[in-house]
Amino acid sequence: MLAVERDREACGRIRSNARGTAVAVVEGEAPAALDALPDPDRAFLGGGSIGVLDAVLARLRTGGRVVATYAVLATAAAAADRLGSQVQLTVSRGVPAGAAGPMRLAAENPVFVAWGPR
């Protein structure tokens, strides 16, 4: 299993979190960093441009699956067009309603998840 990450500090965190697993971290920016990697049968994309998704789809093995997350609706819609399925996930955090008041929910930005077969 491979993880591609462009940020050096994030690579260190991923390596630390993946210690003892079969995950190997590749430092580089997709889609260029994908060129030296084997064709995937499964892929998870944590954001990025639609160009990254297209690069993965161009190399995805027959019967493969992709899951991709996006914060920008236009990119998420383009991904859903390519993959076939999409949902929006929204999280709200509990925050104080006042100095000593009860809790209220404060919405975070939604995340769009697109997935599908090739």
N, C-alpha and C. Protein backbone atom coordinates (compact mmCIF):
# COMPACT_ATOMS: atom_id res chain seq x y z
N MET A 1 0.85 -1.16 0.00
CA MET A 1 0.00 0.00 0.00
C MET A 1 0.90 1.23 0.00
N LEU A 2 0.54 2.20 -0.83
CA LEU A 2 1.34 3.41 -0.98
C LEU A 2 0.54 4.65 -0.61
N ALA A 3 1.22 5.61 0.00
CA ALA A 3 0.63 6.91 0.27
C ALA A 3 1.52 7.95 -0.40
N VAL A 4 0.93 8.80 -1.23
CA VAL A 4 1.66 9.86 -1.90
C VAL A 4 1.30 11.17 -1.22
N GLU A 5 2.31 11.93 -0.82
CA GLU A 5 2.10 13.20 -0.11
C GLU A 5 3.17 14.18 -0.55
N ARG A 6 2.76 15.43 -0.81
CA ARG A 6 3.71 16.43 -1.28
C ARG A 6 4.41 17.19 -0.15
N ASP A 7 3.80 17.24 1.02
CA ASP A 7 4.33 18.01 2.14
C ASP A 7 5.26 17.15 3.00
N ARG A 8 6.52 17.59 3.12
CA ARG A 8 7.53 16.81 3.85
C ARG A 8 7.12 16.54 5.30
N GLU A 9 6.60 17.55 5.97
CA GLU A 9 6.18 17.37 7.36
C GLU A 9 5.04 16.37 7.47
N ALA A 10 4.08 16.45 6.56
CA ALA A 10 2.97 15.50 6.55
C ALA A 10 3.48 14.09 6.27
N CYS A 11 4.50 13.95 5.41
CA CYS A 11 5.09 12.63 5.15
C CYS A 11 5.61 12.01 6.44
N GLY A 12 6.26 12.83 7.26
CA GLY A 12 6.76 12.34 8.54
C GLY A 12 5.65 11.86 9.44
N ARG A 13 4.55 12.60 9.48
CA ARG A 13 3.40 12.18 10.31
C ARG A 13 2.80 10.89 9.79
N ILE A 14 2.67 10.79 8.47
CA ILE A 14 2.10 9.57 7.89
C ILE A 14 3.00 8.38 8.21
N ARG A 15 4.31 8.54 8.04
CA ARG A 15 5.24 7.45 8.36
C ARG A 15 5.12 7.02 9.82
N SER A 16 5.03 8.01 10.70
CA SER A 16 4.89 7.71 12.12
C SER A 16 3.58 6.97 12.40
N ASN A 17 2.49 7.45 11.84
CA ASN A 17 1.19 6.83 12.05
C ASN A 17 1.10 5.44 11.42
N ALA A 18 1.85 5.23 10.33
CA ALA A 18 1.77 3.95 9.60
C ALA A 18 2.81 2.94 10.07
N ARG A 19 3.62 3.32 11.04
CA ARG A 19 4.65 2.40 11.54
C ARG A 19 4.02 1.07 11.93
N GLY A 20 4.61 -0.02 11.45
CA GLY A 20 4.09 -1.35 11.75
C GLY A 20 3.04 -1.84 10.77
N THR A 21 2.74 -1.03 9.76
CA THR A 21 1.77 -1.43 8.75
C THR A 21 2.50 -1.64 7.42
N ALA A 22 1.75 -1.97 6.40
CA ALA A 22 2.32 -2.18 5.07
C ALA A 22 2.31 -0.91 4.22
N VAL A 23 2.08 0.25 4.85
CA VAL A 23 2.02 1.51 4.11
C VAL A 23 3.43 2.07 3.91
N ALA A 24 3.76 2.37 2.65
CA ALA A 24 5.01 3.05 2.32
C ALA A 24 4.66 4.45 1.82
N VAL A 25 5.40 5.45 2.28
CA VAL A 25 5.12 6.83 1.92
C VAL A 25 6.03 7.27 0.79
N VAL A 26 5.43 7.84 -0.24
CA VAL A 26 6.16 8.38 -1.39
C VAL A 26 6.02 9.90 -1.32
N GLU A 27 7.15 10.59 -1.17
CA GLU A 27 7.10 12.04 -1.12
C GLU A 27 7.15 12.59 -2.54
N GLY A 28 6.13 13.34 -2.91
CA GLY A 28 6.06 13.93 -4.23
C GLY A 28 4.68 14.46 -4.49
N GLU A 29 4.55 15.22 -5.57
CA GLU A 29 3.27 15.82 -5.90
C GLU A 29 2.60 15.08 -7.04
N ALA A 30 1.36 14.68 -6.81
CA ALA A 30 0.58 14.01 -7.85
C ALA A 30 0.11 15.07 -8.84
N PRO A 31 -0.02 14.78 -10.09
CA PRO A 31 0.07 13.44 -10.65
C PRO A 31 1.47 12.99 -11.05
N ALA A 32 2.46 13.89 -11.07
CA ALA A 32 3.80 13.51 -11.52
C ALA A 32 4.39 12.38 -10.68
N ALA A 33 4.14 12.38 -9.37
CA ALA A 33 4.70 11.36 -8.49
C ALA A 33 4.14 9.97 -8.77
N LEU A 34 3.03 9.90 -9.49
CA LEU A 34 2.42 8.60 -9.78
C LEU A 34 3.14 7.85 -10.89
N ASP A 35 3.91 8.59 -11.71
CA ASP A 35 4.55 7.98 -12.88
C ASP A 35 5.41 6.77 -12.55
N ALA A 36 6.12 6.81 -11.44
CA ALA A 36 7.04 5.72 -11.09
C ALA A 36 6.37 4.62 -10.27
N LEU A 37 5.08 4.74 -10.01
CA LEU A 37 4.38 3.78 -9.16
C LEU A 37 3.62 2.77 -10.00
N PRO A 38 3.35 1.60 -9.44
CA PRO A 38 2.56 0.60 -10.18
C PRO A 38 1.11 1.07 -10.34
N ASP A 39 0.44 0.54 -11.35
CA ASP A 39 -0.97 0.84 -11.56
C ASP A 39 -1.78 0.35 -10.37
N PRO A 40 -2.67 1.19 -9.84
CA PRO A 40 -3.44 0.79 -8.65
C PRO A 40 -4.69 -0.01 -9.00
N ASP A 41 -5.15 -0.80 -8.05
CA ASP A 41 -6.46 -1.42 -8.18
C ASP A 41 -7.46 -0.74 -7.24
N ARG A 42 -6.95 0.03 -6.27
CA ARG A 42 -7.75 0.83 -5.37
C ARG A 42 -7.01 2.15 -5.15
N ALA A 43 -7.77 3.24 -5.02
CA ALA A 43 -7.13 4.53 -4.76
C ALA A 43 -8.05 5.39 -3.92
N PHE A 44 -7.45 6.11 -2.97
CA PHE A 44 -8.16 7.13 -2.20
C PHE A 44 -7.44 8.44 -2.45
N LEU A 45 -8.19 9.46 -2.85
CA LEU A 45 -7.63 10.78 -3.08
C LEU A 45 -8.21 11.73 -2.05
N GLY A 46 -7.35 12.32 -1.27
CA GLY A 46 -7.78 13.28 -0.25
C GLY A 46 -7.69 14.68 -0.78
N GLY A 47 -8.50 15.00 -1.76
CA GLY A 47 -8.49 16.33 -2.36
C GLY A 47 -7.61 16.36 -3.60
N GLY A 48 -7.19 17.54 -3.97
CA GLY A 48 -6.39 17.70 -5.17
C GLY A 48 -7.24 18.14 -6.34
N SER A 49 -6.60 18.27 -7.45
CA SER A 49 -7.30 18.74 -8.65
C SER A 49 -7.96 17.57 -9.36
N ILE A 50 -8.85 17.92 -10.27
CA ILE A 50 -9.49 16.88 -11.09
C ILE A 50 -8.44 16.20 -11.97
N GLY A 51 -7.34 16.90 -12.26
CA GLY A 51 -6.25 16.31 -13.02
C GLY A 51 -5.62 15.13 -12.32
N VAL A 52 -5.55 15.17 -11.00
CA VAL A 52 -5.02 14.03 -10.24
C VAL A 52 -5.96 12.84 -10.38
N LEU A 53 -7.26 13.09 -10.25
CA LEU A 53 -8.23 12.01 -10.44
C LEU A 53 -8.12 11.43 -11.84
N ASP A 54 -8.03 12.27 -12.85
CA ASP A 54 -7.91 11.78 -14.21
C ASP A 54 -6.66 10.93 -14.40
N ALA A 55 -5.55 11.34 -13.77
CA ALA A 55 -4.31 10.56 -13.87
C ALA A 55 -4.46 9.19 -13.21
N VAL A 56 -5.15 9.16 -12.08
CA VAL A 56 -5.39 7.87 -11.40
C VAL A 56 -6.31 7.00 -12.26
N LEU A 57 -7.38 7.58 -12.78
CA LEU A 57 -8.30 6.80 -13.60
C LEU A 57 -7.64 6.25 -14.85
N ALA A 58 -6.70 7.01 -15.41
CA ALA A 58 -6.00 6.54 -16.61
C ALA A 58 -5.15 5.31 -16.33
N ARG A 59 -4.75 5.13 -15.07
CA ARG A 59 -3.88 4.02 -14.71
C ARG A 59 -4.58 2.94 -13.89
N LEU A 60 -5.83 3.18 -13.51
CA LEU A 60 -6.54 2.25 -12.64
C LEU A 60 -6.75 0.91 -13.35
N ARG A 61 -6.45 -0.16 -12.65
CA ARG A 61 -6.63 -1.50 -13.22
C ARG A 61 -8.11 -1.78 -13.43
N THR A 62 -8.40 -2.66 -14.37
CA THR A 62 -9.78 -3.06 -14.65
C THR A 62 -10.42 -3.59 -13.38
N GLY A 63 -11.63 -3.13 -13.11
CA GLY A 63 -12.35 -3.53 -11.90
C GLY A 63 -11.96 -2.72 -10.67
N GLY A 64 -11.07 -1.75 -10.85
CA GLY A 64 -10.60 -0.95 -9.72
C GLY A 64 -11.66 0.00 -9.19
N ARG A 65 -11.40 0.53 -8.00
CA ARG A 65 -12.32 1.46 -7.34
C ARG A 65 -11.54 2.69 -6.88
N VAL A 66 -12.22 3.82 -6.88
CA VAL A 66 -11.63 5.07 -6.42
C VAL A 66 -12.61 5.75 -5.47
N VAL A 67 -12.07 6.31 -4.38
CA VAL A 67 -12.82 7.18 -3.49
C VAL A 67 -12.03 8.47 -3.42
N ALA A 68 -12.73 9.60 -3.57
CA ALA A 68 -12.06 10.89 -3.57
C ALA A 68 -12.86 11.89 -2.76
N THR A 69 -12.17 12.72 -1.99
CA THR A 69 -12.83 13.74 -1.19
C THR A 69 -12.45 15.12 -1.69
N TYR A 70 -13.42 16.04 -1.65
CA TYR A 70 -13.21 17.40 -2.14
C TYR A 70 -13.97 18.38 -1.27
N ALA A 71 -13.41 19.58 -1.13
CA ALA A 71 -14.10 20.66 -0.42
C ALA A 71 -14.81 21.60 -1.39
N VAL A 72 -14.36 21.63 -2.63
CA VAL A 72 -14.92 22.56 -3.62
C VAL A 72 -15.99 21.83 -4.43
N LEU A 73 -17.18 22.41 -4.47
CA LEU A 73 -18.32 21.77 -5.12
C LEU A 73 -18.07 21.49 -6.60
N ALA A 74 -17.49 22.43 -7.33
CA ALA A 74 -17.26 22.23 -8.77
C ALA A 74 -16.35 21.04 -9.02
N THR A 75 -15.31 20.90 -8.22
CA THR A 75 -14.39 19.77 -8.37
C THR A 75 -15.08 18.48 -7.99
N ALA A 76 -15.87 18.52 -6.92
CA ALA A 76 -16.61 17.34 -6.49
C ALA A 76 -17.61 16.90 -7.54
N ALA A 77 -18.28 17.85 -8.18
CA ALA A 77 -19.24 17.51 -9.23
C ALA A 77 -18.54 16.87 -10.42
N ALA A 78 -17.37 17.40 -10.78
CA ALA A 78 -16.61 16.80 -11.89
C ALA A 78 -16.17 15.39 -11.53
N ALA A 79 -15.78 15.18 -10.28
CA ALA A 79 -15.38 13.84 -9.84
C ALA A 79 -16.57 12.88 -9.87
N ALA A 80 -17.74 13.35 -9.44
CA ALA A 80 -18.93 12.51 -9.45
C ALA A 80 -19.31 12.14 -10.88
N ASP A 81 -19.13 13.07 -11.82
CA ASP A 81 -19.40 12.76 -13.23
C ASP A 81 -18.52 11.61 -13.71
N ARG A 82 -17.29 11.56 -13.24
CA ARG A 82 -16.34 10.53 -13.66
C ARG A 82 -16.56 9.20 -12.92
N LEU A 83 -16.94 9.30 -11.64
CA LEU A 83 -17.00 8.11 -10.79
C LEU A 83 -18.40 7.54 -10.61
N GLY A 84 -19.43 8.39 -10.67
CA GLY A 84 -20.79 7.88 -10.64
C GLY A 84 -21.56 8.07 -9.36
N SER A 85 -20.89 8.29 -8.23
CA SER A 85 -21.60 8.43 -6.96
C SER A 85 -21.00 9.55 -6.14
N GLN A 86 -21.86 10.19 -5.32
CA GLN A 86 -21.37 11.27 -4.47
C GLN A 86 -22.29 11.48 -3.28
N VAL A 87 -21.70 11.85 -2.15
CA VAL A 87 -22.45 12.29 -0.98
C VAL A 87 -21.75 13.52 -0.41
N GLN A 88 -22.49 14.26 0.39
CA GLN A 88 -21.92 15.38 1.14
C GLN A 88 -21.94 14.99 2.60
N LEU A 89 -20.83 15.20 3.29
CA LEU A 89 -20.74 14.95 4.73
C LEU A 89 -20.55 16.28 5.44
N THR A 90 -21.30 16.46 6.50
CA THR A 90 -21.19 17.69 7.27
C THR A 90 -21.02 17.32 8.74
N VAL A 91 -20.11 18.03 9.39
CA VAL A 91 -19.84 17.83 10.80
C VAL A 91 -20.10 19.13 11.53
N SER A 92 -20.69 19.04 12.70
CA SER A 92 -20.86 20.21 13.57
C SER A 92 -20.17 19.91 14.89
N ARG A 93 -19.47 20.89 15.40
CA ARG A 93 -18.76 20.74 16.68
C ARG A 93 -19.52 21.46 17.78
N GLY A 94 -19.49 20.87 18.96
CA GLY A 94 -20.09 21.52 20.12
C GLY A 94 -19.19 22.63 20.61
N VAL A 95 -19.75 23.83 20.76
CA VAL A 95 -19.01 24.98 21.27
C VAL A 95 -19.87 25.67 22.33
N PRO A 96 -19.26 26.37 23.25
CA PRO A 96 -20.06 27.08 24.26
C PRO A 96 -20.94 28.15 23.61
N ALA A 97 -22.17 28.26 24.08
CA ALA A 97 -23.10 29.27 23.56
C ALA A 97 -22.86 30.62 24.21
N GLY A 98 -22.16 30.63 25.29
CA GLY A 98 -21.84 31.87 26.01
C GLY A 98 -20.74 31.57 27.01
N ALA A 99 -20.46 32.51 27.87
CA ALA A 99 -19.37 32.36 28.83
C ALA A 99 -19.53 31.09 29.68
N ALA A 100 -20.70 30.86 30.20
CA ALA A 100 -20.94 29.67 31.01
C ALA A 100 -22.20 28.96 30.55
N GLY A 101 -22.60 29.26 29.33
CA GLY A 101 -23.86 28.75 28.83
C GLY A 101 -23.77 27.33 28.31
N PRO A 102 -24.90 26.84 27.84
CA PRO A 102 -24.96 25.49 27.29
C PRO A 102 -24.20 25.42 25.96
N MET A 103 -24.06 24.23 25.45
CA MET A 103 -23.37 24.02 24.19
C MET A 103 -24.31 24.28 23.02
N ARG A 104 -23.73 24.73 21.92
CA ARG A 104 -24.44 24.84 20.67
C ARG A 104 -23.59 24.15 19.60
N LEU A 105 -24.18 23.87 18.47
CA LEU A 105 -23.44 23.24 17.38
C LEU A 105 -22.99 24.30 16.39
N ALA A 106 -21.71 24.27 16.03
CA ALA A 106 -21.15 25.16 15.02
C ALA A 106 -20.74 24.29 13.83
N ALA A 107 -21.32 24.58 12.67
CA ALA A 107 -21.07 23.77 11.48
C ALA A 107 -19.66 23.99 10.94
N GLU A 108 -19.04 22.92 10.52
CA GLU A 108 -17.76 22.97 9.80
C GLU A 108 -18.08 22.97 8.31
N ASN A 109 -17.09 23.22 7.49
CA ASN A 109 -17.30 23.16 6.04
C ASN A 109 -17.64 21.74 5.62
N PRO A 110 -18.56 21.58 4.68
CA PRO A 110 -18.90 20.23 4.22
C PRO A 110 -17.77 19.64 3.38
N VAL A 111 -17.77 18.32 3.30
CA VAL A 111 -16.83 17.60 2.47
C VAL A 111 -17.67 16.73 1.52
N PHE A 112 -17.25 16.71 0.26
CA PHE A 112 -17.94 15.89 -0.73
C PHE A 112 -17.10 14.65 -0.97
N VAL A 113 -17.76 13.50 -0.98
CA VAL A 113 -17.08 12.23 -1.22
C VAL A 113 -17.67 11.64 -2.50
N ALA A 114 -16.79 11.39 -3.48
CA ALA A 114 -17.19 10.76 -4.74
C ALA A 114 -16.52 9.40 -4.81
N TRP A 115 -17.21 8.42 -5.37
CA TRP A 115 -16.63 7.09 -5.49
C TRP A 115 -17.21 6.37 -6.68
N GLY A 116 -16.52 5.33 -7.05
CA GLY A 116 -17.05 4.51 -8.11
C GLY A 116 -16.03 3.58 -8.74
N PRO A 117 -16.54 2.72 -9.57
CA PRO A 117 -15.67 1.82 -10.35
C PRO A 117 -15.16 2.56 -11.57
N ARG A 118 -14.22 1.96 -12.18
CA ARG A 118 -13.69 2.52 -13.43
C ARG A 118 -14.65 2.28 -14.54
